[in-house]
């Protein structure tokens, strides 16, 4: 079973668990995913895209200027290439939706910003020396995403940012891996 198939199974389970948890918290509502007000919806979309592009830019900058990020990129290059754009899209989308519904949707309200960010980082901790910085980076990103949710009161910007960031970074890795 390849990494994408395993990931999609994991994210499907996490999504189901998150939706059930939110249901029992009596917090499962469409407003959690966005506003019906076009102005507010547009603002959330702009925030999500801007956040994704900012994080992609930071990741690219870090991989060019910091050894820890270069090593991390090399490890991801080994793990996440070659993948078709279709697989990259579904991997990025499923991770963004499932992780945000769990960490910022179900967990944030009950555990608080700092602890949910710490748990997000911990979930990205893979006990391999090259991947340990990813957990710290994920904690920081989780904190930023948590702040956005607390300010905007919706998951839409962070779901969009998380999904788009993953899609763009994995696509860039695959272009680098294939020399294209």
C-alpha atoms as a PDB file:
ATOM      1  CA  UNK A   1       0.000   0.000   0.000  1.00  0.00           C
ATOM      2  CA  UNK A   2       1.507   3.342  -1.026  1.00  0.00           C
ATOM      3  CA  UNK A   3       1.783   6.426   1.162  1.00  0.00           C
ATOM      4  CA  UNK A   4      -1.144   8.225  -0.488  1.00  0.00           C
ATOM      5  CA  UNK A   5      -3.526   5.307   0.046  1.00  0.00           C
ATOM      6  CA  UNK A   6      -2.456   5.004   3.690  1.00  0.00           C
ATOM      7  CA  UNK A   7      -2.809   8.745   4.199  1.00  0.00           C
ATOM      8  CA  UNK A   8      -6.262   8.883   2.601  1.00  0.00           C
ATOM      9  CA  UNK A   9      -7.458   6.044   4.852  1.00  0.00           C
ATOM     10  CA  UNK A  10      -6.021   7.790   7.916  1.00  0.00           C
ATOM     11  CA  UNK A  11      -7.563  11.152   6.985  1.00  0.00           C
ATOM     12  CA  UNK A  12     -10.953   9.566   6.266  1.00  0.00           C
ATOM     13  CA  UNK A  13     -10.963   8.069   9.760  1.00  0.00           C
ATOM     14  CA  UNK A  14      -9.800  11.333  11.336  1.00  0.00           C
ATOM     15  CA  UNK A  15     -12.493  13.237   9.456  1.00  0.00           C
ATOM     16  CA  UNK A  16     -15.221  10.854  10.620  1.00  0.00           C
ATOM     17  CA  UNK A  17     -13.947  10.990  14.205  1.00  0.00           C
ATOM     18  CA  UNK A  18     -13.833  14.810  14.109  1.00  0.00           C
ATOM     19  CA  UNK A  19     -17.360  15.122  12.741  1.00  0.00           C
ATOM     20  CA  UNK A  20     -18.707  12.754  15.411  1.00  0.00           C
ATOM     21  CA  UNK A  21     -16.815  14.644  18.128  1.00  0.00           C
ATOM     22  CA  UNK A  22     -18.133  17.989  16.887  1.00  0.00           C
ATOM     23  CA  UNK A  23     -21.654  16.546  16.728  1.00  0.00           C
ATOM     24  CA  UNK A  24     -21.521  15.441  20.360  1.00  0.00           C
ATOM     25  CA  UNK A  25     -20.055  18.823  21.336  1.00  0.00           C
ATOM     26  CA  UNK A  26     -23.118  20.343  19.627  1.00  0.00           C
ATOM     27  CA  UNK A  27     -20.740  22.419  17.495  1.00  0.00           C
ATOM     28  CA  UNK A  28     -21.286  20.738  14.134  1.00  0.00           C
ATOM     29  CA  UNK A  29     -22.774  23.538  12.017  1.00  0.00           C
ATOM     30  CA  UNK A  30     -22.213  24.991   8.558  1.00  0.00           C
ATOM     31  CA  UNK A  31     -21.038  28.244  10.156  1.00  0.00           C
ATOM     32  CA  UNK A  32     -17.991  26.346  11.416  1.00  0.00           C
ATOM     33  CA  UNK A  33     -16.978  25.951   7.770  1.00  0.00           C
ATOM     34  CA  UNK A  34     -17.758  29.447   6.541  1.00  0.00           C
ATOM     35  CA  UNK A  35     -20.207  32.293   6.317  1.00  0.00           C
ATOM     36  CA  UNK A  36     -23.110  32.715   3.933  1.00  0.00           C
ATOM     37  CA  UNK A  37     -22.305  36.438   3.803  1.00  0.00           C
ATOM     38  CA  UNK A  38     -20.430  36.995   0.501  1.00  0.00           C
ATOM     39  CA  UNK A  39     -18.180  39.715   1.966  1.00  0.00           C
ATOM     40  CA  UNK A  40     -17.187  37.593   4.968  1.00  0.00           C
ATOM     41  CA  UNK A  41     -16.750  34.524   2.761  1.00  0.00           C
ATOM     42  CA  UNK A  42     -14.536  36.492   0.370  1.00  0.00           C
ATOM     43  CA  UNK A  43     -12.469  37.807   3.257  1.00  0.00           C
ATOM     44  CA  UNK A  44     -11.990  34.270   4.618  1.00  0.00           C
ATOM     45  CA  UNK A  45     -10.916  33.024   1.177  1.00  0.00           C
ATOM     46  CA  UNK A  46      -8.384  35.845   0.803  1.00  0.00           C
ATOM     47  CA  UNK A  47      -7.011  35.173   4.295  1.00  0.00           C
ATOM     48  CA  UNK A  48      -6.676  31.455   3.512  1.00  0.00           C
ATOM     49  CA  UNK A  49      -4.862  32.011   0.206  1.00  0.00           C
ATOM     50  CA  UNK A  50      -2.593  34.707   1.675  1.00  0.00           C
ATOM     51  CA  UNK A  51      -1.727  32.491   4.644  1.00  0.00           C
ATOM     52  CA  UNK A  52      -0.947  29.546   2.355  1.00  0.00           C
ATOM     53  CA  UNK A  53       1.257  31.635   0.065  1.00  0.00           C
ATOM     54  CA  UNK A  54       3.067  33.161   3.041  1.00  0.00           C
ATOM     55  CA  UNK A  55       3.806  29.742   4.516  1.00  0.00           C
ATOM     56  CA  UNK A  56       4.913  28.365   1.145  1.00  0.00           C
ATOM     57  CA  UNK A  57       7.228  31.355   0.711  1.00  0.00           C
ATOM     58  CA  UNK A  58       8.644  30.839   4.211  1.00  0.00           C
ATOM     59  CA  UNK A  59       9.163  27.108   3.547  1.00  0.00           C
ATOM     60  CA  UNK A  60      10.992  27.817   0.285  1.00  0.00           C
ATOM     61  CA  UNK A  61      13.088  30.522   1.947  1.00  0.00           C
ATOM     62  CA  UNK A  62      13.939  28.220   4.855  1.00  0.00           C
ATOM     63  CA  UNK A  63      14.919  25.336   2.582  1.00  0.00           C
ATOM     64  CA  UNK A  64      17.353  27.631   0.761  1.00  0.00           C
ATOM     65  CA  UNK A  65      18.905  29.220   3.882  1.00  0.00           C
ATOM     66  CA  UNK A  66      18.705  26.777   6.811  1.00  0.00           C
ATOM     67  CA  UNK A  67      20.284  23.340   7.074  1.00  0.00           C
ATOM     68  CA  UNK A  68      17.388  21.870   9.077  1.00  0.00           C
ATOM     69  CA  UNK A  69      14.959  22.892   6.322  1.00  0.00           C
ATOM     70  CA  UNK A  70      17.232  21.594   3.546  1.00  0.00           C
ATOM     71  CA  UNK A  71      17.452  18.203   5.264  1.00  0.00           C
ATOM     72  CA  UNK A  72      13.699  18.184   5.794  1.00  0.00           C
ATOM     73  CA  UNK A  73      13.084  18.972   2.131  1.00  0.00           C
ATOM     74  CA  UNK A  74      15.431  16.175   1.062  1.00  0.00           C
ATOM     75  CA  UNK A  75      13.576  13.707   3.262  1.00  0.00           C
ATOM     76  CA  UNK A  76      10.186  14.811   1.912  1.00  0.00           C
ATOM     77  CA  UNK A  77      11.584  14.594  -1.600  1.00  0.00           C
ATOM     78  CA  UNK A  78      12.394  10.953  -0.915  1.00  0.00           C
ATOM     79  CA  UNK A  79       8.985  10.194   0.648  1.00  0.00           C
ATOM     80  CA  UNK A  80       6.583  12.237  -1.495  1.00  0.00           C
ATOM     81  CA  UNK A  81       7.904  11.787  -5.024  1.00  0.00           C
ATOM     82  CA  UNK A  82       6.948  10.854  -7.629  1.00  0.00           C
ATOM     83  CA  UNK A  83       3.225  11.587  -7.302  1.00  0.00           C
ATOM     84  CA  UNK A  84       0.690  12.602  -9.931  1.00  0.00           C
ATOM     85  CA  UNK A  85      -1.041  15.946  -9.500  1.00  0.00           C
ATOM     86  CA  UNK A  86      -4.297  14.081  -8.803  1.00  0.00           C
ATOM     87  CA  UNK A  87      -2.695  12.255  -5.865  1.00  0.00           C
ATOM     88  CA  UNK A  88      -1.066  15.460  -4.625  1.00  0.00           C
ATOM     89  CA  UNK A  89      -4.412  17.267  -4.810  1.00  0.00           C
ATOM     90  CA  UNK A  90      -6.299  14.607  -2.844  1.00  0.00           C
ATOM     91  CA  UNK A  91      -3.502  14.229  -0.311  1.00  0.00           C
ATOM     92  CA  UNK A  92      -3.333  18.004   0.269  1.00  0.00           C
ATOM     93  CA  UNK A  93      -7.097  18.451   0.389  1.00  0.00           C
ATOM     94  CA  UNK A  94      -7.759  15.501   2.695  1.00  0.00           C
ATOM     95  CA  UNK A  95      -4.998  16.478   5.115  1.00  0.00           C
ATOM     96  CA  UNK A  96      -6.183  20.081   5.230  1.00  0.00           C
ATOM     97  CA  UNK A  97      -9.816  19.213   5.855  1.00  0.00           C
ATOM     98  CA  UNK A  98      -9.318  16.348   8.315  1.00  0.00           C
ATOM     99  CA  UNK A  99      -6.517  17.901  10.358  1.00  0.00           C
ATOM    100  CA  UNK A 100      -8.221  21.284  10.628  1.00  0.00           C
ATOM    101  CA  UNK A 101     -11.569  19.784  11.595  1.00  0.00           C
ATOM    102  CA  UNK A 102      -9.805  17.785  14.290  1.00  0.00           C
ATOM    103  CA  UNK A 103      -7.165  20.157  15.670  1.00  0.00           C
ATOM    104  CA  UNK A 104      -8.868  23.538  15.202  1.00  0.00           C
ATOM    105  CA  UNK A 105     -12.491  22.368  15.049  1.00  0.00           C
ATOM    106  CA  UNK A 106     -12.838  19.678  17.702  1.00  0.00           C
ATOM    107  CA  UNK A 107      -9.742  20.205  19.888  1.00  0.00           C
ATOM    108  CA  UNK A 108      -9.093  23.946  20.020  1.00  0.00           C
ATOM    109  CA  UNK A 109     -12.252  24.858  21.926  1.00  0.00           C
ATOM    110  CA  UNK A 110     -11.691  22.209  24.587  1.00  0.00           C
ATOM    111  CA  UNK A 111      -7.918  22.245  25.050  1.00  0.00           C
ATOM    112  CA  UNK A 112      -6.983  25.828  24.199  1.00  0.00           C
ATOM    113  CA  UNK A 113      -4.690  27.410  21.635  1.00  0.00           C
ATOM    114  CA  UNK A 114      -1.333  26.415  23.107  1.00  0.00           C
ATOM    115  CA  UNK A 115      -2.161  22.794  23.868  1.00  0.00           C
ATOM    116  CA  UNK A 116      -3.913  22.153  20.545  1.00  0.00           C
ATOM    117  CA  UNK A 117      -0.896  23.680  18.737  1.00  0.00           C
ATOM    118  CA  UNK A 118       1.446  21.464  20.750  1.00  0.00           C
ATOM    119  CA  UNK A 119      -0.663  18.386  19.902  1.00  0.00           C
ATOM    120  CA  UNK A 120      -0.639  19.368  16.222  1.00  0.00           C
ATOM    121  CA  UNK A 121       3.159  19.470  16.330  1.00  0.00           C
ATOM    122  CA  UNK A 122       3.258  16.183  18.216  1.00  0.00           C
ATOM    123  CA  UNK A 123       1.081  14.573  15.536  1.00  0.00           C
ATOM    124  CA  UNK A 124       3.762  15.559  13.008  1.00  0.00           C
ATOM    125  CA  UNK A 125       6.584  14.120  15.108  1.00  0.00           C
ATOM    126  CA  UNK A 126       8.204  11.256  13.270  1.00  0.00           C
ATOM    127  CA  UNK A 127      11.054   9.720  15.237  1.00  0.00           C
ATOM    128  CA  UNK A 128      13.682  10.272  12.568  1.00  0.00           C
ATOM    129  CA  UNK A 129      16.307  12.915  13.118  1.00  0.00           C
ATOM    130  CA  UNK A 130      15.731  14.574   9.735  1.00  0.00           C
ATOM    131  CA  UNK A 131      11.979  14.974  10.390  1.00  0.00           C
ATOM    132  CA  UNK A 132      12.042  16.306  13.970  1.00  0.00           C
ATOM    133  CA  UNK A 133      12.105  19.984  12.847  1.00  0.00           C
ATOM    134  CA  UNK A 134       8.815  19.311  11.049  1.00  0.00           C
ATOM    135  CA  UNK A 135       7.109  18.858  14.434  1.00  0.00           C
ATOM    136  CA  UNK A 136       8.361  22.237  15.655  1.00  0.00           C
ATOM    137  CA  UNK A 137       7.338  23.908  12.398  1.00  0.00           C
ATOM    138  CA  UNK A 138       3.908  22.228  12.601  1.00  0.00           C
ATOM    139  CA  UNK A 139       3.439  23.527  16.155  1.00  0.00           C
ATOM    140  CA  UNK A 140       4.151  27.064  14.965  1.00  0.00           C
ATOM    141  CA  UNK A 141       1.813  26.701  11.983  1.00  0.00           C
ATOM    142  CA  UNK A 142      -0.816  25.168  14.293  1.00  0.00           C
ATOM    143  CA  UNK A 143      -0.539  28.191  16.571  1.00  0.00           C
ATOM    144  CA  UNK A 144      -0.962  30.579  13.628  1.00  0.00           C
ATOM    145  CA  UNK A 145      -3.943  28.604  12.326  1.00  0.00           C
ATOM    146  CA  UNK A 146      -5.451  28.534  15.827  1.00  0.00           C
ATOM    147  CA  UNK A 147      -5.129  32.322  16.078  1.00  0.00           C
ATOM    148  CA  UNK A 148      -6.919  32.716  12.745  1.00  0.00           C
ATOM    149  CA  UNK A 149      -9.762  30.443  13.918  1.00  0.00           C
ATOM    150  CA  UNK A 150     -10.115  32.346  17.175  1.00  0.00           C
ATOM    151  CA  UNK A 151     -10.240  35.664  15.318  1.00  0.00           C
ATOM    152  CA  UNK A 152     -12.436  34.587  12.368  1.00  0.00           C
ATOM    153  CA  UNK A 153     -14.635  32.002  14.200  1.00  0.00           C
ATOM    154  CA  UNK A 154     -14.562  29.722  11.169  1.00  0.00           C
ATOM    155  CA  UNK A 155     -12.361  26.937   9.831  1.00  0.00           C
ATOM    156  CA  UNK A 156     -12.589  27.975   6.178  1.00  0.00           C
ATOM    157  CA  UNK A 157      -9.400  30.098   6.020  1.00  0.00           C
ATOM    158  CA  UNK A 158      -7.263  27.471   7.757  1.00  0.00           C
ATOM    159  CA  UNK A 159      -8.699  24.543   5.797  1.00  0.00           C
ATOM    160  CA  UNK A 160      -7.967  26.449   2.593  1.00  0.00           C
ATOM    161  CA  UNK A 161      -4.501  27.530   3.783  1.00  0.00           C
ATOM    162  CA  UNK A 162      -3.530  24.054   4.994  1.00  0.00           C
ATOM    163  CA  UNK A 163      -4.789  22.299   1.863  1.00  0.00           C
ATOM    164  CA  UNK A 164      -3.318  24.816  -0.570  1.00  0.00           C
ATOM    165  CA  UNK A 165       0.023  24.923   1.256  1.00  0.00           C
ATOM    166  CA  UNK A 166       0.311  21.126   1.164  1.00  0.00           C
ATOM    167  CA  UNK A 167      -0.707  20.929  -2.495  1.00  0.00           C
ATOM    168  CA  UNK A 168       1.737  23.632  -3.561  1.00  0.00           C
ATOM    169  CA  UNK A 169       4.685  22.347  -1.521  1.00  0.00           C
ATOM    170  CA  UNK A 170       4.229  18.717  -2.585  1.00  0.00           C
ATOM    171  CA  UNK A 171       3.782  19.808  -6.214  1.00  0.00           C
ATOM    172  CA  UNK A 172       6.995  21.859  -6.016  1.00  0.00           C
ATOM    173  CA  UNK A 173       8.801  18.857  -4.513  1.00  0.00           C
ATOM    174  CA  UNK A 174       7.583  16.683  -7.356  1.00  0.00           C
ATOM    175  CA  UNK A 175       8.684  19.209  -9.967  1.00  0.00           C
ATOM    176  CA  UNK A 176      12.106  19.300  -8.324  1.00  0.00           C
ATOM    177  CA  UNK A 177      12.193  15.507  -8.077  1.00  0.00           C
ATOM    178  CA  UNK A 178      11.433  15.038 -11.755  1.00  0.00           C
ATOM    179  CA  UNK A 179      13.639  17.907 -12.868  1.00  0.00           C
ATOM    180  CA  UNK A 180      10.623  19.756 -14.307  1.00  0.00           C
END
